Amino acid sequence: MKQHYYVVILEPTRDQSEAAKHRSEHLAYLEEQKKRGKLIFGGRFTDGSGGMYILLVSNRSEAEEIARNDPYCKLGFRTPIIKEWERTL
């Protein structure tokens, strides 16, 4: 089955001091995706405007499901913007 790259940009939606309380859940979730071979890499933006990660999955639905179940998104602290990405280099 062909795999596709998806960039997930997480944009803040509400009080980030509250979101910070759930950071360990968010990171544990992403670490699990990494162990499953779905997460390539990720991190936060240095200006505090959210973060992003790159997934390698079979289709957009799978990328959407992973983003939707990210604790930050599930709890309403981030809105995911998902774009398919073509790796050229």
PDB file of N, CA and C in Angstrom:
ATOM      1  N   MET A   1       0.842  -1.180   0.000  1.00  0.00           N
ATOM      2  CA  MET A   1       0.000   0.000   0.000  1.00  0.00           C
ATOM      3  C   MET A   1       0.895   1.256   0.000  1.00  0.00           C
ATOM      4  N   LYS A   2       0.586   2.169  -0.878  1.00  0.00           N
ATOM      5  CA  LYS A   2       1.360   3.402  -0.984  1.00  0.00           C
ATOM      6  C   LYS A   2       1.122   4.293   0.235  1.00  0.00           C
ATOM      7  N   GLN A   3       2.200   4.880   0.711  1.00  0.00           N
ATOM      8  CA  GLN A   3       2.129   5.790   1.857  1.00  0.00           C
ATOM      9  C   GLN A   3       2.227   7.235   1.358  1.00  0.00           C
ATOM     10  N   HIS A   4       1.582   8.131   2.071  1.00  0.00           N
ATOM     11  CA  HIS A   4       1.576   9.543   1.712  1.00  0.00           C
ATOM     12  C   HIS A   4       2.003  10.374   2.925  1.00  0.00           C
ATOM     13  N   TYR A   5       2.672  11.482   2.637  1.00  0.00           N
ATOM     14  CA  TYR A   5       3.046  12.421   3.696  1.00  0.00           C
ATOM     15  C   TYR A   5       1.935  13.448   3.876  1.00  0.00           C
ATOM     16  N   TYR A   6       1.668  13.770   5.131  1.00  0.00           N
ATOM     17  CA  TYR A   6       0.720  14.832   5.471  1.00  0.00           C
ATOM     18  C   TYR A   6       1.348  15.723   6.525  1.00  0.00           C
ATOM     19  N   VAL A   7       1.250  17.021   6.298  1.00  0.00           N
ATOM     20  CA  VAL A   7       1.680  18.007   7.283  1.00  0.00           C
ATOM     21  C   VAL A   7       0.450  18.383   8.094  1.00  0.00           C
ATOM     22  N   VAL A   8       0.585  18.335   9.404  1.00  0.00           N
ATOM     23  CA  VAL A   8      -0.495  18.741  10.299  1.00  0.00           C
ATOM     24  C   VAL A   8      -0.010  19.975  11.049  1.00  0.00           C
ATOM     25  N   ILE A   9      -0.650  21.104  10.788  1.00  0.00           N
ATOM     26  CA  ILE A   9      -0.330  22.351  11.479  1.00  0.00           C
ATOM     27  C   ILE A   9      -1.378  22.531  12.566  1.00  0.00           C
ATOM     28  N   LEU A  10      -0.925  22.728  13.794  1.00  0.00           N
ATOM     29  CA  LEU A  10      -1.832  22.887  14.926  1.00  0.00           C
ATOM     30  C   LEU A  10      -1.901  24.357  15.317  1.00  0.00           C
ATOM     31  N   GLU A  11      -3.038  24.970  15.055  1.00  0.00           N
ATOM     32  CA  GLU A  11      -3.222  26.377  15.380  1.00  0.00           C
ATOM     33  C   GLU A  11      -3.948  26.515  16.707  1.00  0.00           C
ATOM     34  N   PRO A  12      -3.424  27.366  17.611  1.00  0.00           N
ATOM     35  CA  PRO A  12      -4.072  27.572  18.909  1.00  0.00           C
ATOM     36  C   PRO A  12      -5.484  28.147  18.746  1.00  0.00           C
ATOM     37  N   THR A  13      -6.387  27.693  19.625  1.00  0.00           N
ATOM     38  CA  THR A  13      -7.761  28.156  19.552  1.00  0.00           C
ATOM     39  C   THR A  13      -8.247  28.835  20.833  1.00  0.00           C
ATOM     40  N   ARG A  14      -7.595  28.583  21.923  1.00  0.00           N
ATOM     41  CA  ARG A  14      -8.024  29.206  23.189  1.00  0.00           C
ATOM     42  C   ARG A  14      -6.865  29.301  24.162  1.00  0.00           C
ATOM     43  N   ASP A  15      -7.132  29.619  25.397  1.00  0.00           N
ATOM     44  CA  ASP A  15      -6.134  29.897  26.430  1.00  0.00           C
ATOM     45  C   ASP A  15      -5.001  28.865  26.447  1.00  0.00           C
ATOM     46  N   GLN A  16      -3.830  29.322  26.103  1.00  0.00           N
ATOM     47  CA  GLN A  16      -2.686  28.423  26.004  1.00  0.00           C
ATOM     48  C   GLN A  16      -2.105  28.042  27.355  1.00  0.00           C
ATOM     49  N   SER A  17      -2.397  28.809  28.401  1.00  0.00           N
ATOM     50  CA  SER A  17      -1.930  28.403  29.731  1.00  0.00           C
ATOM     51  C   SER A  17      -2.653  27.128  30.153  1.00  0.00           C
ATOM     52  N   GLU A  18      -3.900  26.977  29.749  1.00  0.00           N
ATOM     53  CA  GLU A  18      -4.648  25.746  30.018  1.00  0.00           C
ATOM     54  C   GLU A  18      -4.112  24.602  29.156  1.00  0.00           C
ATOM     55  N   ALA A  19      -3.780  24.887  27.908  1.00  0.00           N
ATOM     56  CA  ALA A  19      -3.251  23.860  27.013  1.00  0.00           C
ATOM     57  C   ALA A  19      -1.960  23.277  27.569  1.00  0.00           C
ATOM     58  N   ALA A  20      -1.138  24.120  28.164  1.00  0.00           N
ATOM     59  CA  ALA A  20       0.156  23.679  28.697  1.00  0.00           C
ATOM     60  C   ALA A  20      -0.008  22.554  29.718  1.00  0.00           C
ATOM     61  N   LYS A  21      -1.135  22.531  30.407  1.00  0.00           N
ATOM     62  CA  LYS A  21      -1.392  21.484  31.402  1.00  0.00           C
ATOM     63  C   LYS A  21      -1.547  20.109  30.747  1.00  0.00           C
ATOM     64  N   HIS A  22      -1.798  20.086  29.446  1.00  0.00           N
ATOM     65  CA  HIS A  22      -2.024  18.835  28.724  1.00  0.00           C
ATOM     66  C   HIS A  22      -0.872  18.481  27.780  1.00  0.00           C
ATOM     67  N   ARG A  23       0.224  19.202  27.894  1.00  0.00           N
ATOM     68  CA  ARG A  23       1.364  18.985  27.000  1.00  0.00           C
ATOM     69  C   ARG A  23       1.914  17.557  27.091  1.00  0.00           C
ATOM     70  N   SER A  24       2.007  17.024  28.304  1.00  0.00           N
ATOM     71  CA  SER A  24       2.557  15.668  28.449  1.00  0.00           C
ATOM     72  C   SER A  24       1.664  14.637  27.753  1.00  0.00           C
ATOM     73  N   GLU A  25       0.339  14.822  27.792  1.00  0.00           N
ATOM     74  CA  GLU A  25      -0.581  13.915  27.091  1.00  0.00           C
ATOM     75  C   GLU A  25      -0.366  14.010  25.572  1.00  0.00           C
ATOM     76  N   HIS A  26      -0.232  15.236  25.092  1.00  0.00           N
ATOM     77  CA  HIS A  26      -0.001  15.497  23.671  1.00  0.00           C
ATOM     78  C   HIS A  26       1.296  14.823  23.211  1.00  0.00           C
ATOM     79  N   LEU A  27       2.367  15.016  23.972  1.00  0.00           N
ATOM     80  CA  LEU A  27       3.656  14.441  23.598  1.00  0.00           C
ATOM     81  C   LEU A  27       3.642  12.917  23.682  1.00  0.00           C
ATOM     82  N   ALA A  28       2.970  12.360  24.669  1.00  0.00           N
ATOM     83  CA  ALA A  28       2.871  10.900  24.789  1.00  0.00           C
ATOM     84  C   ALA A  28       2.106  10.324  23.598  1.00  0.00           C
ATOM     85  N   TYR A  29       1.060  11.019  23.188  1.00  0.00           N
ATOM     86  CA  TYR A  29       0.278  10.577  22.032  1.00  0.00           C
ATOM     87  C   TYR A  29       1.146  10.585  20.773  1.00  0.00           C
ATOM     88  N   LEU A  30       1.899  11.648  20.589  1.00  0.00           N
ATOM     89  CA  LEU A  30       2.765  11.726  19.406  1.00  0.00           C
ATOM     90  C   LEU A  30       3.878  10.687  19.462  1.00  0.00           C
ATOM     91  N   GLU A  31       4.399  10.436  20.637  1.00  0.00           N
ATOM     92  CA  GLU A  31       5.433   9.404  20.785  1.00  0.00           C
ATOM     93  C   GLU A  31       4.874   8.040  20.384  1.00  0.00           C
ATOM     94  N   GLU A  32       3.625   7.784  20.727  1.00  0.00           N
ATOM     95  CA  GLU A  32       2.979   6.529  20.327  1.00  0.00           C
ATOM     96  C   GLU A  32       2.846   6.449  18.807  1.00  0.00           C
ATOM     97  N   GLN A  33       2.498   7.566  18.172  1.00  0.00           N
ATOM     98  CA  GLN A  33       2.408   7.584  16.705  1.00  0.00           C
ATOM     99  C   GLN A  33       3.778   7.342  16.073  1.00  0.00           C
ATOM    100  N   LYS A  34       4.806   7.860  16.719  1.00  0.00           N
ATOM    101  CA  LYS A  34       6.168   7.641  16.229  1.00  0.00           C
ATOM    102  C   LYS A  34       6.546   6.159  16.323  1.00  0.00           C
ATOM    103  N   LYS A  35       6.222   5.533  17.442  1.00  0.00           N
ATOM    104  CA  LYS A  35       6.510   4.103  17.621  1.00  0.00           C
ATOM    105  C   LYS A  35       5.763   3.257  16.598  1.00  0.00           C
ATOM    106  N   ARG A  36       4.581   3.693  16.198  1.00  0.00           N
ATOM    107  CA  ARG A  36       3.773   2.977  15.211  1.00  0.00           C
ATOM    108  C   ARG A  36       4.242   3.246  13.778  1.00  0.00           C
ATOM    109  N   GLY A  37       5.260   4.117  13.628  1.00  0.00           N
ATOM    110  CA  GLY A  37       5.799   4.418  12.313  1.00  0.00           C
ATOM    111  C   GLY A  37       4.991   5.431  11.522  1.00  0.00           C
ATOM    112  N   LYS A  38       4.085   6.126  12.178  1.00  0.00           N
ATOM    113  CA  LYS A  38       3.206   7.097  11.510  1.00  0.00           C
ATOM    114  C   LYS A  38       3.753   8.521  11.571  1.00  0.00           C
ATOM    115  N   LEU A  39       4.398   8.874  12.668  1.00  0.00           N
ATOM    116  CA  LEU A  39       4.943  10.225  12.858  1.00  0.00           C
ATOM    117  C   LEU A  39       6.395  10.247  12.411  1.00  0.00           C
ATOM    118  N   ILE A  40       6.717  11.151  11.484  1.00  0.00           N
ATOM    119  CA  ILE A  40       8.090  11.288  11.017  1.00  0.00           C
ATOM    120  C   ILE A  40       8.856  12.232  11.943  1.00  0.00           C
ATOM    121  N   PHE A  41       8.334  13.423  12.131  1.00  0.00           N
ATOM    122  CA  PHE A  41       8.878  14.367  13.103  1.00  0.00           C
ATOM    123  C   PHE A  41       7.885  15.478  13.356  1.00  0.00           C
ATOM    124  N   GLY A  42       8.121  16.223  14.422  1.00  0.00           N
ATOM    125  CA  GLY A  42       7.224  17.321  14.770  1.00  0.00           C
ATOM    126  C   GLY A  42       7.868  18.243  15.779  1.00  0.00           C
ATOM    127  N   GLY A  43       7.224  19.353  16.027  1.00  0.00           N
ATOM    128  CA  GLY A  43       7.721  20.303  17.009  1.00  0.00           C
ATOM    129  C   GLY A  43       6.842  21.535  17.050  1.00  0.00           C
ATOM    130  N   ARG A  44       7.214  22.444  17.942  1.00  0.00           N
ATOM    131  CA  ARG A  44       6.416  23.667  18.086  1.00  0.00           C
ATOM    132  C   ARG A  44       7.113  24.830  17.418  1.00  0.00           C
ATOM    133  N   PHE A  45       6.329  25.835  17.060  1.00  0.00           N
ATOM    134  CA  PHE A  45       6.876  27.042  16.456  1.00  0.00           C
ATOM    135  C   PHE A  45       7.485  27.909  17.555  1.00  0.00           C
ATOM    136  N   THR A  46       8.641  28.472  17.288  1.00  0.00           N
ATOM    137  CA  THR A  46       9.356  29.235  18.312  1.00  0.00           C
ATOM    138  C   THR A  46       8.665  30.540  18.680  1.00  0.00           C
ATOM    139  N   ASP A  47       7.743  31.004  17.841  1.00  0.00           N
ATOM    140  CA  ASP A  47       7.020  32.242  18.173  1.00  0.00           C
ATOM    141  C   ASP A  47       5.767  31.983  19.001  1.00  0.00           C
ATOM    142  N   GLY A  48       5.546  30.719  19.402  1.00  0.00           N
ATOM    143  CA  GLY A  48       4.405  30.395  20.252  1.00  0.00           C
ATOM    144  C   GLY A  48       3.082  30.261  19.516  1.00  0.00           C
ATOM    145  N   SER A  49       3.129  30.206  18.188  1.00  0.00           N
ATOM    146  CA  SER A  49       1.885  30.177  17.405  1.00  0.00           C
ATOM    147  C   SER A  49       1.404  28.757  17.081  1.00  0.00           C
ATOM    148  N   GLY A  50       1.746  27.793  17.903  1.00  0.00           N
ATOM    149  CA  GLY A  50       1.314  26.414  17.675  1.00  0.00           C
ATOM    150  C   GLY A  50       2.475  25.525  17.303  1.00  0.00           C
ATOM    151  N   GLY A  51       2.193  24.521  16.483  1.00  0.00           N
ATOM    152  CA  GLY A  51       3.239  23.589  16.090  1.00  0.00           C
ATOM    153  C   GLY A  51       2.804  22.799  14.876  1.00  0.00           C
ATOM    154  N   MET A  52       3.623  21.817  14.522  1.00  0.00           N
ATOM    155  CA  MET A  52       3.301  20.991  13.364  1.00  0.00           C
ATOM    156  C   MET A  52       3.974  19.643  13.479  1.00  0.00           C
ATOM    157  N   TYR A  53       3.426  18.692  12.737  1.00  0.00           N
ATOM    158  CA  TYR A  53       4.110  17.416  12.601  1.00  0.00           C
ATOM    159  C   TYR A  53       3.847  16.863  11.209  1.00  0.00           C
ATOM    160  N   ILE A  54       4.704  15.945  10.809  1.00  0.00           N
ATOM    161  CA  ILE A  54       4.573  15.303   9.513  1.00  0.00           C
ATOM    162  C   ILE A  54       4.301  13.825   9.745  1.00  0.00           C
ATOM    163  N   LEU A  55       3.243  13.358   9.093  1.00  0.00           N
ATOM    164  CA  LEU A  55       2.830  11.970   9.193  1.00  0.00           C
ATOM    165  C   LEU A  55       3.122  11.251   7.879  1.00  0.00           C
ATOM    166  N   LEU A  56       3.356   9.963   7.966  1.00  0.00           N
ATOM    167  CA  LEU A  56       3.471   9.101   6.796  1.00  0.00           C
ATOM    168  C   LEU A  56       2.423   8.009   6.988  1.00  0.00           C
ATOM    169  N   VAL A  57       1.312   8.149   6.251  1.00  0.00           N
ATOM    170  CA  VAL A  57       0.159   7.275   6.436  1.00  0.00           C
ATOM    171  C   VAL A  57      -0.428   6.866   5.085  1.00  0.00           C
ATOM    172  N   SER A  58      -1.404   5.987   5.112  1.00  0.00           N
ATOM    173  CA  SER A  58      -1.959   5.454   3.862  1.00  0.00           C
ATOM    174  C   SER A  58      -2.901   6.407   3.142  1.00  0.00           C
ATOM    175  N   ASN A  59      -3.575   7.313   3.879  1.00  0.00           N
ATOM    176  CA  ASN A  59      -4.521   8.220   3.220  1.00  0.00           C
ATOM    177  C   ASN A  59      -4.868   9.404   4.124  1.00  0.00           C
ATOM    178  N   ARG A  60      -5.587  10.345   3.556  1.00  0.00           N
ATOM    179  CA  ARG A  60      -5.957  11.554   4.289  1.00  0.00           C
ATOM    180  C   ARG A  60      -6.833  11.236   5.502  1.00  0.00           C
ATOM    181  N   SER A  61      -7.710  10.276   5.354  1.00  0.00           N
ATOM    182  CA  SER A  61      -8.588   9.906   6.477  1.00  0.00           C
ATOM    183  C   SER A  61      -7.779   9.473   7.694  1.00  0.00           C
ATOM    184  N   GLU A  62      -6.718   8.746   7.455  1.00  0.00           N
ATOM    185  CA  GLU A  62      -5.868   8.309   8.560  1.00  0.00           C
ATOM    186  C   GLU A  62      -5.166   9.507   9.202  1.00  0.00           C
ATOM    187  N   ALA A  63      -4.689  10.437   8.393  1.00  0.00           N
ATOM    188  CA  ALA A  63      -4.055  11.652   8.927  1.00  0.00           C
ATOM    189  C   ALA A  63      -5.066  12.454   9.744  1.00  0.00           C
ATOM    190  N   GLU A  64      -6.290  12.573   9.247  1.00  0.00           N
ATOM    191  CA  GLU A  64      -7.341  13.306   9.963  1.00  0.00           C
ATOM    192  C   GLU A  64      -7.672  12.648  11.290  1.00  0.00           C
ATOM    193  N   GLU A  65      -7.717  11.326  11.288  1.00  0.00           N
ATOM    194  CA  GLU A  65      -8.018  10.600  12.523  1.00  0.00           C
ATOM    195  C   GLU A  65      -6.923  10.808  13.565  1.00  0.00           C
ATOM    196  N   ILE A  66      -5.677  10.741  13.137  1.00  0.00           N
ATOM    197  CA  ILE A  66      -4.561  10.958  14.070  1.00  0.00           C
ATOM    198  C   ILE A  66      -4.635  12.368  14.643  1.00  0.00           C
ATOM    199  N   ALA A  67      -4.837  13.356  13.788  1.00  0.00           N
ATOM    200  CA  ALA A  67      -4.919  14.745  14.265  1.00  0.00           C
ATOM    201  C   ALA A  67      -6.114  14.936  15.192  1.00  0.00           C
ATOM    202  N   ARG A  68      -7.253  14.395  14.828  1.00  0.00           N
ATOM    203  CA  ARG A  68      -8.478  14.544  15.624  1.00  0.00           C
ATOM    204  C   ARG A  68      -8.310  13.951  17.022  1.00  0.00           C
ATOM    205  N   ASN A  69      -7.526  12.869  17.132  1.00  0.00           N
ATOM    206  CA  ASN A  69      -7.328  12.207  18.417  1.00  0.00           C
ATOM    207  C   ASN A  69      -6.150  12.744  19.220  1.00  0.00           C
ATOM    208  N   ASP A  70      -5.421  13.688  18.661  1.00  0.00           N
ATOM    209  CA  ASP A  70      -4.359  14.367  19.414  1.00  0.00           C
ATOM    210  C   ASP A  70      -5.041  15.066  20.594  1.00  0.00           C
ATOM    211  N   PRO A  71      -4.574  14.852  21.818  1.00  0.00           N
ATOM    212  CA  PRO A  71      -5.235  15.477  22.966  1.00  0.00           C
ATOM    213  C   PRO A  71      -5.428  16.988  22.831  1.00  0.00           C
ATOM    214  N   TYR A  72      -4.482  17.699  22.261  1.00  0.00           N
ATOM    215  CA  TYR A  72      -4.664  19.147  22.081  1.00  0.00           C
ATOM    216  C   TYR A  72      -5.898  19.442  21.224  1.00  0.00           C
ATOM    217  N   CYS A  73      -6.108  18.656  20.173  1.00  0.00           N
ATOM    218  CA  CYS A  73      -7.260  18.867  19.285  1.00  0.00           C
ATOM    219  C   CYS A  73      -8.539  18.342  19.932  1.00  0.00           C
ATOM    220  N   LYS A  74      -8.443  17.186  20.525  1.00  0.00           N
ATOM    221  CA  LYS A  74      -9.600  16.555  21.162  1.00  0.00           C
ATOM    222  C   LYS A  74     -10.183  17.450  22.260  1.00  0.00           C
ATOM    223  N   LEU A  75      -9.312  18.138  22.983  1.00  0.00           N
ATOM    224  CA  LEU A  75      -9.748  19.007  24.078  1.00  0.00           C
ATOM    225  C   LEU A  75     -10.057  20.430  23.613  1.00  0.00           C
ATOM    226  N   GLY A  76      -9.862  20.712  22.326  1.00  0.00           N
ATOM    227  CA  GLY A  76     -10.222  22.014  21.774  1.00  0.00           C
ATOM    228  C   GLY A  76      -9.170  23.103  21.900  1.00  0.00           C
ATOM    229  N   PHE A  77      -7.927  22.747  22.223  1.00  0.00           N
ATOM    230  CA  PHE A  77      -6.870  23.755  22.353  1.00  0.00           C
ATOM    231  C   PHE A  77      -6.171  24.060  21.035  1.00  0.00           C
ATOM    232  N   ARG A  78      -6.338  23.177  20.043  1.00  0.00           N
ATOM    233  CA  ARG A  78      -5.732  23.376  18.728  1.00  0.00           C
ATOM    234  C   ARG A  78      -6.728  22.957  17.645  1.00  0.00           C
ATOM    235  N   THR A  79      -6.628  23.629  16.520  1.00  0.00           N
ATOM    236  CA  THR A  79      -7.362  23.235  15.321  1.00  0.00           C
ATOM    237  C   THR A  79      -6.334  22.738  14.321  1.00  0.00           C
ATOM    238  N   PRO A  80      -6.518  21.518  13.818  1.00  0.00           N
ATOM    239  CA  PRO A  80      -5.542  21.006  12.853  1.00  0.00           C
ATOM    240  C   PRO A  80      -5.838  21.472  11.425  1.00  0.00           C
ATOM    241  N   ILE A  81      -4.793  21.869  10.741  1.00  0.00           N
ATOM    242  CA  ILE A  81      -4.851  22.140   9.306  1.00  0.00           C
ATOM    243  C   ILE A  81      -4.000  21.048   8.674  1.00  0.00           C
ATOM    244  N   ILE A  82      -4.599  20.274   7.795  1.00  0.00           N
ATOM    245  CA  ILE A  82      -3.925  19.098   7.237  1.00  0.00           C
ATOM    246  C   ILE A  82      -3.736  19.284   5.736  1.00  0.00           C
ATOM    247  N   LYS A  83      -2.495  19.111   5.299  1.00  0.00           N
ATOM    248  CA  LYS A  83      -2.180  19.247   3.881  1.00  0.00           C
ATOM    249  C   LYS A  83      -1.324  18.069   3.444  1.00  0.00           C
ATOM    250  N   GLU A  84      -1.685  17.482   2.302  1.00  0.00           N
ATOM    251  CA  GLU A  84      -0.831  16.431   1.756  1.00  0.00           C
ATOM    252  C   GLU A  84       0.437  17.105   1.246  1.00  0.00           C
ATOM    253  N   TRP A  85       1.563  16.439   1.461  1.00  0.00           N
ATOM    254  CA  TRP A  85       2.858  17.015   1.133  1.00  0.00           C
ATOM    255  C   TRP A  85       3.613  16.045   0.246  1.00  0.00           C
ATOM    256  N   GLU A  86       4.168  16.546  -0.821  1.00  0.00           N
ATOM    257  CA  GLU A  86       4.982  15.736  -1.715  1.00  0.00           C
ATOM    258  C   GLU A  86       6.435  15.988  -1.427  1.00  0.00           C
ATOM    259  N   ARG A  87       7.102  14.980  -0.908  1.00  0.00           N
ATOM    260  CA  ARG A  87       8.526  15.104  -0.602  1.00  0.00           C
ATOM    261  C   ARG A  87       9.311  15.002  -1.891  1.00  0.00           C
ATOM    262  N   THR A  88      10.119  16.017  -2.177  1.00  0.00           N
ATOM    263  CA  THR A  88      10.912  16.016  -3.407  1.00  0.00           C
ATOM    264  C   THR A  88      12.406  15.931  -3.136  1.00  0.00           C
ATOM    265  N   LEU A  89      12.845  16.252  -1.953  1.00  0.00           N
ATOM    266  CA  LEU A  89      14.279  16.178  -1.611  1.00  0.00           C
ATOM    267  C   LEU A  89      14.495  15.354  -0.362  1.00  0.00           C
TER     268      LEU A  89
END
